[in-house]
C-alpha atoms as a PDB file:
ATOM      1  CA  ARG A   1      10.875 -18.405 -30.323  1.00  0.00           C
ATOM      2  CA  TYR A   2       7.865 -18.787 -27.953  1.00  0.00           C
ATOM      3  CA  LEU A   3       7.695 -17.928 -24.470  1.00  0.00           C
ATOM      4  CA  MET A   4       4.308 -18.554 -22.667  1.00  0.00           C
ATOM      5  CA  GLY A   5       2.993 -17.006 -19.399  1.00  0.00           C
ATOM      6  CA  VAL A   6       5.085 -13.560 -19.857  1.00  0.00           C
ATOM      7  CA  GLY A   7       3.513 -10.589 -20.029  1.00  0.00           C
ATOM      8  CA  ASP A   8       4.759  -7.600 -17.704  1.00  0.00           C
ATOM      9  CA  PRO A   9       6.819  -4.814 -19.965  1.00  0.00           C
ATOM     10  CA  ALA A  10      10.015  -5.569 -18.136  1.00  0.00           C
ATOM     11  CA  SER A  11      10.008  -9.113 -19.094  1.00  0.00           C
ATOM     12  CA  LEU A  12       8.680  -8.811 -22.469  1.00  0.00           C
ATOM     13  CA  VAL A  13      11.497  -6.574 -23.259  1.00  0.00           C
ATOM     14  CA  GLU A  14      14.336  -8.777 -21.787  1.00  0.00           C
ATOM     15  CA  ALA A  15      12.764 -11.694 -23.754  1.00  0.00           C
ATOM     16  CA  VAL A  16      12.792  -9.739 -26.826  1.00  0.00           C
ATOM     17  CA  GLU A  17      16.479  -9.316 -26.477  1.00  0.00           C
ATOM     18  CA  LEU A  18      16.899 -12.746 -26.288  1.00  0.00           C
ATOM     19  CA  GLY A  19      15.236 -13.277 -29.667  1.00  0.00           C
ATOM     20  CA  VAL A  20      11.587 -14.797 -28.256  1.00  0.00           C
ATOM     21  CA  ASP A  21       9.283 -13.196 -30.749  1.00  0.00           C
ATOM     22  CA  GLN A  22       5.805 -14.812 -29.700  1.00  0.00           C
ATOM     23  CA  PHE A  23       3.919 -14.601 -26.501  1.00  0.00           C
ATOM     24  CA  ASP A  24       1.151 -16.076 -24.518  1.00  0.00           C
ATOM     25  CA  CYS A  25      -0.128 -14.569 -21.333  1.00  0.00           C
ATOM     26  CA  VAL A  26      -3.024 -13.777 -18.986  1.00  0.00           C
ATOM     27  CA  LEU A  27      -1.835 -10.954 -17.194  1.00  0.00           C
ATOM     28  CA  GLN A  28      -2.942  -8.166 -19.039  1.00  0.00           C
ATOM     29  CA  THR A  29      -6.600  -9.661 -18.591  1.00  0.00           C
ATOM     30  CA  ARG A  30      -6.138 -10.582 -14.860  1.00  0.00           C
ATOM     31  CA  LEU A  31      -4.971  -7.564 -13.837  1.00  0.00           C
ATOM     32  CA  GLY A  32      -7.897  -5.921 -15.684  1.00  0.00           C
ATOM     33  CA  ARG A  33     -10.225  -8.041 -13.434  1.00  0.00           C
ATOM     34  CA  HIS A  34      -8.682  -6.653 -10.431  1.00  0.00           C
ATOM     35  CA  GLY A  35      -9.154  -3.242 -11.530  1.00  0.00           C
ATOM     36  CA  THR A  36      -5.392  -2.538 -12.367  1.00  0.00           C
ATOM     37  CA  ALA A  37      -3.872  -0.699 -15.756  1.00  0.00           C
ATOM     38  CA  LEU A  38      -0.861  -1.309 -17.328  1.00  0.00           C
ATOM     39  CA  THR A  39       0.339   2.805 -18.200  1.00  0.00           C
ATOM     40  CA  SER A  40       3.459   4.509 -19.310  1.00  0.00           C
ATOM     41  CA  GLN A  41       4.541   5.318 -15.545  1.00  0.00           C
ATOM     42  CA  GLY A  42       3.671   1.907 -14.088  1.00  0.00           C
ATOM     43  CA  LYS A  43       0.561  -0.225 -12.870  1.00  0.00           C
ATOM     44  CA  LEU A  44      -2.139   2.092 -12.156  1.00  0.00           C
ATOM     45  CA  HIS A  45      -4.729   0.453  -9.252  1.00  0.00           C
ATOM     46  CA  THR A  46      -8.579   2.241 -10.599  1.00  0.00           C
ATOM     47  CA  LYS A  47      -9.615   1.217  -6.938  1.00  0.00           C
ATOM     48  CA  ASN A  48      -7.214   4.103  -5.327  1.00  0.00           C
ATOM     49  CA  ALA A  49      -9.207   6.826  -3.682  1.00  0.00           C
ATOM     50  CA  GLN A  50      -7.039   9.561  -5.164  1.00  0.00           C
ATOM     51  CA  PHE A  51      -8.988   8.827  -8.386  1.00  0.00           C
ATOM     52  CA  ILE A  52     -12.739   9.587  -7.189  1.00  0.00           C
ATOM     53  CA  ASN A  53     -12.749  12.727  -8.991  1.00  0.00           C
ATOM     54  CA  SER A  54     -10.254  12.404 -11.711  1.00  0.00           C
ATOM     55  CA  ASP A  55     -11.119  13.572 -14.942  1.00  0.00           C
ATOM     56  CA  GLU A  56      -7.788  12.152 -16.787  1.00  0.00           C
ATOM     57  CA  PRO A  57      -7.489   8.936 -18.783  1.00  0.00           C
ATOM     58  CA  LEU A  58      -5.769   5.512 -17.556  1.00  0.00           C
ATOM     59  CA  ASP A  59      -2.597   6.724 -19.654  1.00  0.00           C
ATOM     60  CA  ALA A  60      -2.319  10.471 -21.039  1.00  0.00           C
ATOM     61  CA  LEU A  61      -0.065   8.468 -23.644  1.00  0.00           C
ATOM     62  CA  CYS A  62      -2.530   5.844 -24.541  1.00  0.00           C
ATOM     63  CA  SER A  63      -4.636   6.338 -27.824  1.00  0.00           C
ATOM     64  CA  CYS A  64      -7.130   3.540 -26.987  1.00  0.00           C
ATOM     65  CA  TRP A  65     -10.801   3.691 -26.961  1.00  0.00           C
ATOM     66  CA  VAL A  66     -10.819   3.180 -23.357  1.00  0.00           C
ATOM     67  CA  CYS A  67      -8.398   6.165 -22.583  1.00  0.00           C
ATOM     68  CA  ALA A  68     -10.334   8.168 -24.966  1.00  0.00           C
ATOM     69  CA  THR A  69     -13.773   7.963 -23.530  1.00  0.00           C
ATOM     70  CA  HIS A  70     -13.412   6.963 -20.060  1.00  0.00           C
ATOM     71  CA  SER A  71     -11.912   8.824 -16.942  1.00  0.00           C
ATOM     72  CA  ARG A  72      -9.899   7.497 -13.903  1.00  0.00           C
ATOM     73  CA  GLY A  73     -12.790   8.445 -11.755  1.00  0.00           C
ATOM     74  CA  TYR A  74     -15.640   6.702 -13.901  1.00  0.00           C
ATOM     75  CA  LEU A  75     -13.822   3.405 -13.627  1.00  0.00           C
ATOM     76  CA  ARG A  76     -12.878   3.661 -10.229  1.00  0.00           C
ATOM     77  CA  HIS A  77     -16.660   4.289  -9.667  1.00  0.00           C
ATOM     78  CA  LEU A  78     -17.288   0.884 -11.966  1.00  0.00           C
ATOM     79  CA  THR A  79     -14.849  -0.754 -10.091  1.00  0.00           C
ATOM     80  CA  GLN A  80     -16.012   0.207  -6.607  1.00  0.00           C
ATOM     81  CA  THR A  81     -19.481  -0.866  -7.348  1.00  0.00           C
ATOM     82  CA  GLY A  82     -18.709  -4.201  -8.543  1.00  0.00           C
ATOM     83  CA  GLU A  83     -19.972  -3.237 -11.878  1.00  0.00           C
ATOM     84  CA  PRO A  84     -18.645  -5.933 -14.511  1.00  0.00           C
ATOM     85  CA  THR A  85     -17.938  -3.433 -17.264  1.00  0.00           C
ATOM     86  CA  ALA A  86     -15.100  -2.030 -15.351  1.00  0.00           C
ATOM     87  CA  SER A  87     -12.850  -5.376 -15.648  1.00  0.00           C
ATOM     88  CA  ARG A  88     -13.904  -5.408 -19.397  1.00  0.00           C
ATOM     89  CA  LEU A  89     -12.817  -1.834 -19.809  1.00  0.00           C
ATOM     90  CA  VAL A  90      -9.623  -2.082 -18.265  1.00  0.00           C
ATOM     91  CA  SER A  91      -9.043  -5.236 -19.750  1.00  0.00           C
ATOM     92  CA  ILE A  92      -9.429  -4.208 -22.952  1.00  0.00           C
ATOM     93  CA  HIS A  93      -7.207  -1.027 -21.987  1.00  0.00           C
ATOM     94  CA  ASN A  94      -4.333  -3.355 -20.931  1.00  0.00           C
ATOM     95  CA  LEU A  95      -4.619  -5.642 -24.218  1.00  0.00           C
ATOM     96  CA  ALA A  96      -4.399  -2.301 -26.455  1.00  0.00           C
ATOM     97  CA  TRP A  97      -1.645  -0.994 -24.339  1.00  0.00           C
ATOM     98  CA  THR A  98       0.647  -4.245 -24.586  1.00  0.00           C
ATOM     99  CA  ILE A  99      -0.189  -4.464 -28.483  1.00  0.00           C
ATOM    100  CA  ASN A 100       1.145  -0.835 -28.722  1.00  0.00           C
ATOM    101  CA  PHE A 101       4.097  -1.226 -26.379  1.00  0.00           C
ATOM    102  CA  MET A 102       4.989  -4.171 -28.641  1.00  0.00           C
ATOM    103  CA  ALA A 103       4.535  -2.008 -31.909  1.00  0.00           C
ATOM    104  CA  ASP A 104       7.187   0.490 -30.156  1.00  0.00           C
ATOM    105  CA  MET A 105       9.193  -1.846 -29.393  1.00  0.00           C
ATOM    106  CA  ARG A 106       9.491  -3.354 -32.917  1.00  0.00           C
ATOM    107  CA  ALA A 107      10.186   0.332 -34.119  1.00  0.00           C
ATOM    108  CA  ALA A 108      12.761   0.591 -31.463  1.00  0.00           C
ATOM    109  CA  ILE A 109      14.321  -2.317 -33.070  1.00  0.00           C
ATOM    110  CA  THR A 110      13.894  -1.188 -36.302  1.00  0.00           C
ATOM    111  CA  ASN A 111      15.365   2.221 -35.813  1.00  0.00           C
ATOM    112  CA  GLY A 112      18.205   0.726 -33.768  1.00  0.00           C
ATOM    113  CA  THR A 113      17.247   2.450 -30.697  1.00  0.00           C
ATOM    114  CA  PHE A 114      16.256  -0.740 -28.892  1.00  0.00           C
ATOM    115  CA  GLN A 115      18.916  -0.523 -25.840  1.00  0.00           C
ATOM    116  CA  GLN A 116      17.359   3.090 -25.027  1.00  0.00           C
ATOM    117  CA  PHE A 117      13.840   1.735 -25.297  1.00  0.00           C
ATOM    118  CA  LYS A 118      14.937  -1.170 -22.884  1.00  0.00           C
ATOM    119  CA  SER A 119      16.492   1.284 -20.760  1.00  0.00           C
ATOM    120  CA  SER A 120      13.374   3.640 -20.330  1.00  0.00           C
ATOM    121  CA  VAL A 121      11.231   0.448 -19.814  1.00  0.00           C
ATOM    122  CA  LEU A 122      13.254  -0.982 -17.064  1.00  0.00           C
ATOM    123  CA  ALA A 123      13.486   2.292 -15.404  1.00  0.00           C
ATOM    124  CA  VAL A 124       9.435   2.181 -14.947  1.00  0.00           C
ATOM    125  CA  TRP A 125       8.970  -1.712 -14.709  1.00  0.00           C
ATOM    126  CA  GLY A 126      12.156  -3.168 -13.678  1.00  0.00           C
END
């Protein structure tokens, strides 16, 4: 089953539970264009002043290239100065994060732990 226009983690996990297995959405890049990253702790807004001196990655649990090579502070700087690279980097992270999220969901289905996975997702994103 195909579902168009749904890309947030809570909706994805609920749709998968209903049998949807194909998605198409611009959310990851739309959020990226505005400096918002998807993380294991929820949305992270790179424009926030609290990240001005942060050396942390967008998400400590993410292994994407952006998290491995760019800090929150640097991404905030790029966002604040209007550098187009900022939206590209956050979009790349969001796409990688979502691909990993879907892989984790498939693993939970295979392992018989989908309900626990869903509960943990909804606790953050619900």
